Each structure stands twice: as C-alpha cells, then as structure tokens.
Amino acid sequence: MDKPFHLLTPQEKTILRIAQNRAINEKTKQVPPSKSSAEFVRSTPEDHVGRIIRKVKP
C-alpha cells in the first residue's frame, strides 16, 4: 500500500496485519526450532570428580 499507516482505514490495517503475520509465519517455518532449556542436561558435582573446574591463584 502506498498510504502511510495512520491514513489507512481499519479494514486496510487489518488486511495489512494479516499479510505481515503470514510473512512472519513463512519465515519461521524455514528456521529450525531451537532447543528449549528443559532439554539441556545439567551436570552434577559427581560428574566433575577428578577434574579441575577452575584454578585459584594464591
């Protein structure tokens, strides 16, 4: 549309927003989903036995 947004009618604004939402949906379909934080495994102190996590300077 060639009109500025503030000059659009409510119907034109709705049509524009639907078109924008469809464009966003198409972009997100192309991007692979990222892992949620619940899928990551946290390490426990027992996993670090015998390994140096960080050296402390005297």
PDB file of N, CA and C in Angstrom:
ATOM      1  N   MET A   1       0.832  -1.173   0.000  1.00  0.00           N
ATOM      2  CA  MET A   1       0.000   0.000   0.000  1.00  0.00           C
ATOM      3  C   MET A   1       0.885   1.248   0.000  1.00  0.00           C
ATOM      4  N   ASP A   2       0.406   2.250  -0.651  1.00  0.00           N
ATOM      5  CA  ASP A   2       1.188   3.473  -0.777  1.00  0.00           C
ATOM      6  C   ASP A   2       0.850   4.506   0.288  1.00  0.00           C
ATOM      7  N   LYS A   3      -0.229   4.267   1.047  1.00  0.00           N
ATOM      8  CA  LYS A   3      -0.625   5.236   2.076  1.00  0.00           C
ATOM      9  C   LYS A   3       0.184   5.020   3.350  1.00  0.00           C
ATOM     10  N   PRO A   4       0.417   6.094   4.094  1.00  0.00           N
ATOM     11  CA  PRO A   4       1.028   5.912   5.414  1.00  0.00           C
ATOM     12  C   PRO A   4       0.043   5.166   6.318  1.00  0.00           C
ATOM     13  N   PHE A   5       0.596   4.474   7.297  1.00  0.00           N
ATOM     14  CA  PHE A   5      -0.231   3.628   8.163  1.00  0.00           C
ATOM     15  C   PHE A   5      -1.339   4.421   8.857  1.00  0.00           C
ATOM     16  N   HIS A   6      -1.051   5.619   9.297  1.00  0.00           N
ATOM     17  CA  HIS A   6      -2.058   6.381  10.040  1.00  0.00           C
ATOM     18  C   HIS A   6      -3.230   6.836   9.169  1.00  0.00           C
ATOM     19  N   LEU A   7      -3.094   6.757   7.853  1.00  0.00           N
ATOM     20  CA  LEU A   7      -4.190   7.123   6.951  1.00  0.00           C
ATOM     21  C   LEU A   7      -5.006   5.928   6.480  1.00  0.00           C
ATOM     22  N   LEU A   8      -4.612   4.725   6.869  1.00  0.00           N
ATOM     23  CA  LEU A   8      -5.344   3.533   6.452  1.00  0.00           C
ATOM     24  C   LEU A   8      -6.652   3.415   7.226  1.00  0.00           C
ATOM     25  N   THR A   9      -7.642   2.828   6.573  1.00  0.00           N
ATOM     26  CA  THR A   9      -8.903   2.547   7.248  1.00  0.00           C
ATOM     27  C   THR A   9      -8.700   1.331   8.147  1.00  0.00           C
ATOM     28  N   PRO A  10      -9.574   1.117   9.118  1.00  0.00           N
ATOM     29  CA  PRO A  10      -9.439  -0.075   9.964  1.00  0.00           C
ATOM     30  C   PRO A  10      -9.403  -1.374   9.166  1.00  0.00           C
ATOM     31  N   GLN A  11     -10.181  -1.445   8.104  1.00  0.00           N
ATOM     32  CA  GLN A  11     -10.178  -2.649   7.269  1.00  0.00           C
ATOM     33  C   GLN A  11      -8.830  -2.832   6.579  1.00  0.00           C
ATOM     34  N   GLU A  12      -8.256  -1.755   6.075  1.00  0.00           N
ATOM     35  CA  GLU A  12      -6.948  -1.828   5.421  1.00  0.00           C
ATOM     36  C   GLU A  12      -5.852  -2.199   6.415  1.00  0.00           C
ATOM     37  N   LYS A  13      -5.951  -1.681   7.646  1.00  0.00           N
ATOM     38  CA  LYS A  13      -4.977  -2.025   8.681  1.00  0.00           C
ATOM     39  C   LYS A  13      -5.042  -3.509   9.007  1.00  0.00           C
ATOM     40  N   THR A  14      -6.249  -4.057   9.070  1.00  0.00           N
ATOM     41  CA  THR A  14      -6.421  -5.476   9.357  1.00  0.00           C
ATOM     42  C   THR A  14      -5.829  -6.326   8.237  1.00  0.00           C
ATOM     43  N   ILE A  15      -6.100  -5.947   7.007  1.00  0.00           N
ATOM     44  CA  ILE A  15      -5.556  -6.681   5.859  1.00  0.00           C
ATOM     45  C   ILE A  15      -4.035  -6.632   5.867  1.00  0.00           C
ATOM     46  N   LEU A  16      -3.469  -5.474   6.167  1.00  0.00           N
ATOM     47  CA  LEU A  16      -2.015  -5.321   6.218  1.00  0.00           C
ATOM     48  C   LEU A  16      -1.410  -6.201   7.318  1.00  0.00           C
ATOM     49  N   ARG A  17      -2.051  -6.211   8.492  1.00  0.00           N
ATOM     50  CA  ARG A  17      -1.535  -7.003   9.615  1.00  0.00           C
ATOM     51  C   ARG A  17      -1.596  -8.494   9.310  1.00  0.00           C
ATOM     52  N   ILE A  18      -2.664  -8.943   8.653  1.00  0.00           N
ATOM     53  CA  ILE A  18      -2.769 -10.350   8.271  1.00  0.00           C
ATOM     54  C   ILE A  18      -1.647 -10.717   7.306  1.00  0.00           C
ATOM     55  N   ALA A  19      -1.374  -9.841   6.345  1.00  0.00           N
ATOM     56  CA  ALA A  19      -0.291 -10.096   5.388  1.00  0.00           C
ATOM     57  C   ALA A  19       1.060 -10.152   6.102  1.00  0.00           C
ATOM     58  N   GLN A  20       1.266  -9.256   7.077  1.00  0.00           N
ATOM     59  CA  GLN A  20       2.522  -9.267   7.827  1.00  0.00           C
ATOM     60  C   GLN A  20       2.652 -10.545   8.652  1.00  0.00           C
ATOM     61  N   ASN A  21       1.570 -10.974   9.278  1.00  0.00           N
ATOM     62  CA  ASN A  21       1.600 -12.205  10.065  1.00  0.00           C
ATOM     63  C   ASN A  21       1.903 -13.423   9.198  1.00  0.00           C
ATOM     64  N   ARG A  22       1.331 -13.467   8.013  1.00  0.00           N
ATOM     65  CA  ARG A  22       1.607 -14.585   7.104  1.00  0.00           C
ATOM     66  C   ARG A  22       3.077 -14.601   6.691  1.00  0.00           C
ATOM     67  N   ALA A  23       3.637 -13.425   6.440  1.00  0.00           N
ATOM     68  CA  ALA A  23       5.053 -13.345   6.065  1.00  0.00           C
ATOM     69  C   ALA A  23       5.933 -13.828   7.220  1.00  0.00           C
ATOM     70  N   ILE A  24       5.575 -13.449   8.444  1.00  0.00           N
ATOM     71  CA  ILE A  24       6.331 -13.899   9.620  1.00  0.00           C
ATOM     72  C   ILE A  24       6.229 -15.408   9.766  1.00  0.00           C
ATOM     73  N   ASN A  25       5.029 -15.960   9.581  1.00  0.00           N
ATOM     74  CA  ASN A  25       4.845 -17.409   9.687  1.00  0.00           C
ATOM     75  C   ASN A  25       5.669 -18.162   8.663  1.00  0.00           C
ATOM     76  N   GLU A  26       5.747 -17.648   7.449  1.00  0.00           N
ATOM     77  CA  GLU A  26       6.544 -18.302   6.411  1.00  0.00           C
ATOM     78  C   GLU A  26       8.025 -18.293   6.779  1.00  0.00           C
ATOM     79  N   LYS A  27       8.504 -17.195   7.345  1.00  0.00           N
ATOM     80  CA  LYS A  27       9.911 -17.113   7.741  1.00  0.00           C
ATOM     81  C   LYS A  27      10.220 -18.081   8.877  1.00  0.00           C
ATOM     82  N   THR A  28       9.307 -18.185   9.837  1.00  0.00           N
ATOM     83  CA  THR A  28       9.565 -19.061  10.982  1.00  0.00           C
ATOM     84  C   THR A  28       9.472 -20.531  10.607  1.00  0.00           C
ATOM     85  N   LYS A  29       8.740 -20.863   9.560  1.00  0.00           N
ATOM     86  CA  LYS A  29       8.689 -22.256   9.101  1.00  0.00           C
ATOM     87  C   LYS A  29      10.028 -22.685   8.515  1.00  0.00           C
ATOM     88  N   GLN A  30      10.784 -21.742   7.980  1.00  0.00           N
ATOM     89  CA  GLN A  30      12.058 -22.058   7.350  1.00  0.00           C
ATOM     90  C   GLN A  30      13.180 -22.214   8.364  1.00  0.00           C
ATOM     91  N   VAL A  31      13.038 -21.659   9.553  1.00  0.00           N
ATOM     92  CA  VAL A  31      14.075 -21.701  10.576  1.00  0.00           C
ATOM     93  C   VAL A  31      13.841 -22.918  11.463  1.00  0.00           C
ATOM     94  N   PRO A  32      14.856 -23.775  11.667  1.00  0.00           N
ATOM     95  CA  PRO A  32      14.650 -24.936  12.542  1.00  0.00           C
ATOM     96  C   PRO A  32      14.429 -24.486  13.984  1.00  0.00           C
ATOM     97  N   PRO A  33      13.567 -25.174  14.707  1.00  0.00           N
ATOM     98  CA  PRO A  33      13.318 -24.773  16.096  1.00  0.00           C
ATOM     99  C   PRO A  33      14.548 -24.988  16.964  1.00  0.00           C
ATOM    100  N   SER A  34      14.737 -24.120  17.926  1.00  0.00           N
ATOM    101  CA  SER A  34      15.872 -24.256  18.833  1.00  0.00           C
ATOM    102  C   SER A  34      15.467 -25.136  20.010  1.00  0.00           C
ATOM    103  N   LYS A  35      16.476 -25.650  20.696  1.00  0.00           N
ATOM    104  CA  LYS A  35      16.194 -26.489  21.855  1.00  0.00           C
ATOM    105  C   LYS A  35      15.682 -25.640  23.000  1.00  0.00           C
ATOM    106  N   SER A  36      14.724 -26.173  23.715  1.00  0.00           N
ATOM    107  CA  SER A  36      14.264 -25.454  24.898  1.00  0.00           C
ATOM    108  C   SER A  36      15.228 -25.729  26.045  1.00  0.00           C
ATOM    109  N   SER A  37      15.199 -24.895  27.042  1.00  0.00           N
ATOM    110  CA  SER A  37      16.125 -25.056  28.160  1.00  0.00           C
ATOM    111  C   SER A  37      15.845 -26.341  28.927  1.00  0.00           C
ATOM    112  N   ALA A  38      14.640 -26.880  28.823  1.00  0.00           N
ATOM    113  CA  ALA A  38      14.301 -28.111  29.533  1.00  0.00           C
ATOM    114  C   ALA A  38      15.012 -29.323  28.928  1.00  0.00           C
ATOM    115  N   GLU A  39      15.462 -29.211  27.677  1.00  0.00           N
ATOM    116  CA  GLU A  39      16.118 -30.338  27.014  1.00  0.00           C
ATOM    117  C   GLU A  39      17.590 -30.463  27.374  1.00  0.00           C
ATOM    118  N   PHE A  40      18.178 -29.439  27.939  1.00  0.00           N
ATOM    119  CA  PHE A  40      19.579 -29.491  28.285  1.00  0.00           C
ATOM    120  C   PHE A  40      19.767 -30.273  29.581  1.00  0.00           C
ATOM    121  N   VAL A  41      20.810 -31.086  29.630  1.00  0.00           N
ATOM    122  CA  VAL A  41      21.096 -31.882  30.815  1.00  0.00           C
ATOM    123  C   VAL A  41      22.095 -31.110  31.665  1.00  0.00           C
ATOM    124  N   ARG A  42      21.754 -30.934  32.910  1.00  0.00           N
ATOM    125  CA  ARG A  42      22.663 -30.230  33.812  1.00  0.00           C
ATOM    126  C   ARG A  42      23.634 -31.222  34.409  1.00  0.00           C
ATOM    127  N   SER A  43      24.861 -30.790  34.575  1.00  0.00           N
ATOM    128  CA  SER A  43      25.844 -31.667  35.181  1.00  0.00           C
ATOM    129  C   SER A  43      25.760 -31.539  36.693  1.00  0.00           C
ATOM    130  N   THR A  44      26.110 -32.605  37.356  1.00  0.00           N
ATOM    131  CA  THR A  44      26.104 -32.626  38.816  1.00  0.00           C
ATOM    132  C   THR A  44      27.547 -32.597  39.310  1.00  0.00           C
ATOM    133  N   PRO A  45      27.781 -32.298  40.574  1.00  0.00           N
ATOM    134  CA  PRO A  45      29.150 -32.301  41.100  1.00  0.00           C
ATOM    135  C   PRO A  45      29.827 -33.664  40.922  1.00  0.00           C
ATOM    136  N   GLU A  46      29.045 -34.743  40.934  1.00  0.00           N
ATOM    137  CA  GLU A  46      29.623 -36.076  40.751  1.00  0.00           C
ATOM    138  C   GLU A  46      30.224 -36.239  39.346  1.00  0.00           C
ATOM    139  N   ASP A  47      29.700 -35.510  38.379  1.00  0.00           N
ATOM    140  CA  ASP A  47      30.234 -35.581  37.019  1.00  0.00           C
ATOM    141  C   ASP A  47      31.622 -34.954  36.921  1.00  0.00           C
ATOM    142  N   HIS A  48      31.978 -34.107  37.872  1.00  0.00           N
ATOM    143  CA  HIS A  48      33.240 -33.376  37.822  1.00  0.00           C
ATOM    144  C   HIS A  48      34.312 -33.952  38.749  1.00  0.00           C
ATOM    145  N   VAL A  49      34.081 -35.120  39.290  1.00  0.00           N
ATOM    146  CA  VAL A  49      35.050 -35.703  40.216  1.00  0.00           C
ATOM    147  C   VAL A  49      36.361 -35.949  39.472  1.00  0.00           C
ATOM    148  N   GLY A  50      37.459 -35.451  40.048  1.00  0.00           N
ATOM    149  CA  GLY A  50      38.771 -35.664  39.462  1.00  0.00           C
ATOM    150  C   GLY A  50      39.157 -34.630  38.431  1.00  0.00           C
ATOM    151  N   ARG A  51      38.264 -33.766  38.039  1.00  0.00           N
ATOM    152  CA  ARG A  51      38.590 -32.735  37.057  1.00  0.00           C
ATOM    153  C   ARG A  51      38.704 -31.392  37.759  1.00  0.00           C
ATOM    154  N   ILE A  52      39.592 -30.568  37.265  1.00  0.00           N
ATOM    155  CA  ILE A  52      39.738 -29.224  37.815  1.00  0.00           C
ATOM    156  C   ILE A  52      38.799 -28.305  37.048  1.00  0.00           C
ATOM    157  N   ILE A  53      37.892 -27.681  37.757  1.00  0.00           N
ATOM    158  CA  ILE A  53      36.962 -26.777  37.105  1.00  0.00           C
ATOM    159  C   ILE A  53      37.609 -25.422  36.878  1.00  0.00           C
ATOM    160  N   ARG A  54      38.306 -24.928  37.908  1.00  0.00           N
ATOM    161  CA  ARG A  54      38.983 -23.652  37.750  1.00  0.00           C
ATOM    162  C   ARG A  54      40.115 -23.577  38.771  1.00  0.00           C
ATOM    163  N   LYS A  55      41.207 -23.004  38.360  1.00  0.00           N
ATOM    164  CA  LYS A  55      42.344 -22.857  39.256  1.00  0.00           C
ATOM    165  C   LYS A  55      42.226 -21.533  39.996  1.00  0.00           C
ATOM    166  N   VAL A  56      42.552 -21.562  41.278  1.00  0.00           N
ATOM    167  CA  VAL A  56      42.534 -20.351  42.090  1.00  0.00           C
ATOM    168  C   VAL A  56      43.973 -19.900  42.294  1.00  0.00           C
ATOM    169  N   LYS A  57      44.220 -18.642  41.964  1.00  0.00           N
ATOM    170  CA  LYS A  57      45.564 -18.123  42.120  1.00  0.00           C
ATOM    171  C   LYS A  57      45.804 -17.791  43.596  1.00  0.00           C
ATOM    172  N   PRO A  58      46.998 -18.152  44.130  1.00  0.00           N
ATOM    173  CA  PRO A  58      47.280 -17.871  45.544  1.00  0.00           C
ATOM    174  C   PRO A  58      47.515 -16.392  45.799  1.00  0.00           C
TER     175      PRO A  58
END
